[in-house]
Amino acid sequence: MEPGEAFVYSFNLSRVYYGRRSNRAKRAVDLLRSLVARHAKVSPESVKILDDVNNYIWSRGIQRPPRRVKVLVRVVKDEEGNVKALVEMANKKLRPGKIELKEKSQ
């Protein structure tokens, strides 16, 4: 993905249920981070998961995270030239795939 692009992904997190129960939500966040890094072609350290996604994953506790999450991934370039991926919750009506970002008119 190039900087300035945005995609809607529906990630399957059910593979975290195959391990022990004690820290499934943390493993789900780590799995989401690695999947976004692979799709956005950035390092896992440069993936920023926003609070709404984190709260959704942790909403049912540490032992029962949701099995699927639909997220909007935006790739941006900061002032220093580093490429980062921002992960936020997607609208229920958005379909997976590339979306066009609307520029704010001033």
C-alpha atoms as a PDB file:
ATOM      1  CA  MET A   1       0.000   0.000   0.000  1.00  0.00           C
ATOM      2  CA  GLU A   2       1.184   3.498  -0.794  1.00  0.00           C
ATOM      3  CA  PRO A   3       0.928   6.448   1.618  1.00  0.00           C
ATOM      4  CA  GLY A   4      -2.464   8.097   1.294  1.00  0.00           C
ATOM      5  CA  GLU A   5      -4.368   4.895   0.544  1.00  0.00           C
ATOM      6  CA  ALA A   6      -7.074   3.356   2.711  1.00  0.00           C
ATOM      7  CA  PHE A   7      -8.467  -0.172   2.730  1.00  0.00           C
ATOM      8  CA  VAL A   8     -11.238  -1.904   4.654  1.00  0.00           C
ATOM      9  CA  TYR A   9     -10.263  -5.346   5.927  1.00  0.00           C
ATOM     10  CA  SER A  10     -12.223  -7.997   7.770  1.00  0.00           C
ATOM     11  CA  PHE A  11      -9.714  -9.953   9.837  1.00  0.00           C
ATOM     12  CA  ASN A  12     -10.444 -13.365  11.316  1.00  0.00           C
ATOM     13  CA  LEU A  13      -9.080 -13.547  14.871  1.00  0.00           C
ATOM     14  CA  SER A  14     -10.459 -16.962  15.776  1.00  0.00           C
ATOM     15  CA  ARG A  15      -7.048 -18.625  15.698  1.00  0.00           C
ATOM     16  CA  VAL A  16      -6.259 -17.067  19.099  1.00  0.00           C
ATOM     17  CA  TYR A  17      -8.882 -19.432  20.553  1.00  0.00           C
ATOM     18  CA  TYR A  18      -6.601 -22.438  19.941  1.00  0.00           C
ATOM     19  CA  GLY A  19      -4.230 -21.436  22.746  1.00  0.00           C
ATOM     20  CA  ARG A  20      -4.729 -21.103  26.445  1.00  0.00           C
ATOM     21  CA  ARG A  21      -7.538 -18.874  27.704  1.00  0.00           C
ATOM     22  CA  SER A  22      -5.561 -16.587  29.957  1.00  0.00           C
ATOM     23  CA  ASN A  23      -4.466 -13.877  27.500  1.00  0.00           C
ATOM     24  CA  ARG A  24      -6.471 -14.258  24.296  1.00  0.00           C
ATOM     25  CA  ALA A  25      -7.282 -10.563  23.925  1.00  0.00           C
ATOM     26  CA  LYS A  26      -3.608  -9.591  24.041  1.00  0.00           C
ATOM     27  CA  ARG A  27      -2.792 -12.252  21.452  1.00  0.00           C
ATOM     28  CA  ALA A  28      -5.677 -10.971  19.295  1.00  0.00           C
ATOM     29  CA  VAL A  29      -4.203  -7.447  19.347  1.00  0.00           C
ATOM     30  CA  ASP A  30      -0.770  -8.841  18.459  1.00  0.00           C
ATOM     31  CA  LEU A  31      -2.266 -10.926  15.637  1.00  0.00           C
ATOM     32  CA  LEU A  32      -4.137  -7.895  14.288  1.00  0.00           C
ATOM     33  CA  ARG A  33      -0.914  -5.863  14.390  1.00  0.00           C
ATOM     34  CA  SER A  34       1.011  -8.521  12.449  1.00  0.00           C
ATOM     35  CA  LEU A  35      -1.750  -8.967   9.851  1.00  0.00           C
ATOM     36  CA  VAL A  36      -2.025  -5.215   9.241  1.00  0.00           C
ATOM     37  CA  ALA A  37       1.766  -4.944   8.978  1.00  0.00           C
ATOM     38  CA  ARG A  38       1.804  -7.692   6.346  1.00  0.00           C
ATOM     39  CA  HIS A  39      -1.003  -6.154   4.273  1.00  0.00           C
ATOM     40  CA  ALA A  40       0.217  -2.561   4.562  1.00  0.00           C
ATOM     41  CA  LYS A  41       3.877  -3.543   3.948  1.00  0.00           C
ATOM     42  CA  VAL A  42       5.168  -1.745   7.042  1.00  0.00           C
ATOM     43  CA  SER A  43       6.941  -3.004  10.142  1.00  0.00           C
ATOM     44  CA  PRO A  44       4.798  -4.145  13.102  1.00  0.00           C
ATOM     45  CA  GLU A  45       6.290  -1.343  15.227  1.00  0.00           C
ATOM     46  CA  SER A  46       4.845   1.290  12.873  1.00  0.00           C
ATOM     47  CA  VAL A  47       1.249   0.014  13.142  1.00  0.00           C
ATOM     48  CA  LYS A  48      -0.885   2.277  15.359  1.00  0.00           C
ATOM     49  CA  ILE A  49      -4.056   0.598  16.658  1.00  0.00           C
ATOM     50  CA  LEU A  50      -6.496   3.283  17.776  1.00  0.00           C
ATOM     51  CA  ASP A  51      -8.486   3.092  21.017  1.00  0.00           C
ATOM     52  CA  ASP A  52     -11.811   2.163  19.427  1.00  0.00           C
ATOM     53  CA  VAL A  53     -10.361  -1.055  17.954  1.00  0.00           C
ATOM     54  CA  ASN A  54      -8.540  -1.896  21.178  1.00  0.00           C
ATOM     55  CA  ASN A  55     -11.676  -1.303  23.268  1.00  0.00           C
ATOM     56  CA  TYR A  56     -13.724  -3.471  20.899  1.00  0.00           C
ATOM     57  CA  ILE A  57     -11.269  -6.372  21.202  1.00  0.00           C
ATOM     58  CA  TRP A  58     -11.124  -6.071  24.994  1.00  0.00           C
ATOM     59  CA  SER A  59     -14.891  -5.406  25.397  1.00  0.00           C
ATOM     60  CA  ARG A  60     -15.744  -8.982  26.386  1.00  0.00           C
ATOM     61  CA  GLY A  61     -12.733  -9.479  28.616  1.00  0.00           C
ATOM     62  CA  ILE A  62      -9.346 -11.093  28.274  1.00  0.00           C
ATOM     63  CA  GLN A  63     -10.666 -14.624  27.664  1.00  0.00           C
ATOM     64  CA  ARG A  64     -13.321 -14.030  24.974  1.00  0.00           C
ATOM     65  CA  PRO A  65     -12.232 -11.552  22.274  1.00  0.00           C
ATOM     66  CA  PRO A  66     -14.382 -11.245  19.140  1.00  0.00           C
ATOM     67  CA  ARG A  67     -13.652 -13.753  16.395  1.00  0.00           C
ATOM     68  CA  ARG A  68     -13.770 -11.166  13.601  1.00  0.00           C
ATOM     69  CA  VAL A  69     -13.071  -7.481  13.380  1.00  0.00           C
ATOM     70  CA  LYS A  70     -13.692  -5.107  10.477  1.00  0.00           C
ATOM     71  CA  VAL A  71     -11.136  -2.314  10.376  1.00  0.00           C
ATOM     72  CA  LEU A  72     -10.185   0.629   8.208  1.00  0.00           C
ATOM     73  CA  VAL A  73      -6.435   0.799   7.566  1.00  0.00           C
ATOM     74  CA  ARG A  74      -4.943   4.129   6.476  1.00  0.00           C
ATOM     75  CA  VAL A  75      -1.323   4.413   5.412  1.00  0.00           C
ATOM     76  CA  VAL A  76       0.165   7.838   6.177  1.00  0.00           C
ATOM     77  CA  LYS A  77       3.599   9.431   6.041  1.00  0.00           C
ATOM     78  CA  ASP A  78       4.602  11.605   9.000  1.00  0.00           C
ATOM     79  CA  GLU A  79       6.802  14.718   9.043  1.00  0.00           C
ATOM     80  CA  GLU A  80      10.026  12.735   9.316  1.00  0.00           C
ATOM     81  CA  GLY A  81       9.157  10.589   6.299  1.00  0.00           C
ATOM     82  CA  ASN A  82       8.253   7.444   8.229  1.00  0.00           C
ATOM     83  CA  VAL A  83       5.360   5.404   6.847  1.00  0.00           C
ATOM     84  CA  LYS A  84       2.779   4.343   9.442  1.00  0.00           C
ATOM     85  CA  ALA A  85      -0.460   2.378   9.319  1.00  0.00           C
ATOM     86  CA  LEU A  86      -3.420   3.660  11.359  1.00  0.00           C
ATOM     87  CA  VAL A  87      -6.063   1.077  12.285  1.00  0.00           C
ATOM     88  CA  GLU A  88      -9.574   2.232  13.197  1.00  0.00           C
ATOM     89  CA  MET A  89     -13.008   0.627  13.308  1.00  0.00           C
ATOM     90  CA  ALA A  90     -14.790   0.499   9.965  1.00  0.00           C
ATOM     91  CA  ASN A  91     -18.375   1.477   9.435  1.00  0.00           C
ATOM     92  CA  LYS A  92     -20.719  -1.516   9.261  1.00  0.00           C
ATOM     93  CA  LYS A  93     -21.827  -0.529   5.744  1.00  0.00           C
ATOM     94  CA  LEU A  94     -18.327  -0.413   4.266  1.00  0.00           C
ATOM     95  CA  ARG A  95     -17.361  -3.439   2.231  1.00  0.00           C
ATOM     96  CA  PRO A  96     -13.851  -4.899   2.323  1.00  0.00           C
ATOM     97  CA  GLY A  97     -11.559  -3.427  -0.322  1.00  0.00           C
ATOM     98  CA  LYS A  98     -10.001  -0.153  -1.363  1.00  0.00           C
ATOM     99  CA  ILE A  99     -11.947   3.013  -0.592  1.00  0.00           C
ATOM    100  CA  GLU A 100     -11.583   6.560  -1.776  1.00  0.00           C
ATOM    101  CA  LEU A 101     -10.822   9.119   0.904  1.00  0.00           C
ATOM    102  CA  LYS A 102     -12.741  12.366   0.626  1.00  0.00           C
ATOM    103  CA  GLU A 103     -10.592  15.448   0.974  1.00  0.00           C
ATOM    104  CA  LYS A 104     -11.869  18.101   3.370  1.00  0.00           C
ATOM    105  CA  SER A 105     -12.654  21.319   1.518  1.00  0.00           C
ATOM    106  CA  GLN A 106     -11.677  24.518   3.250  1.00  0.00           C
END
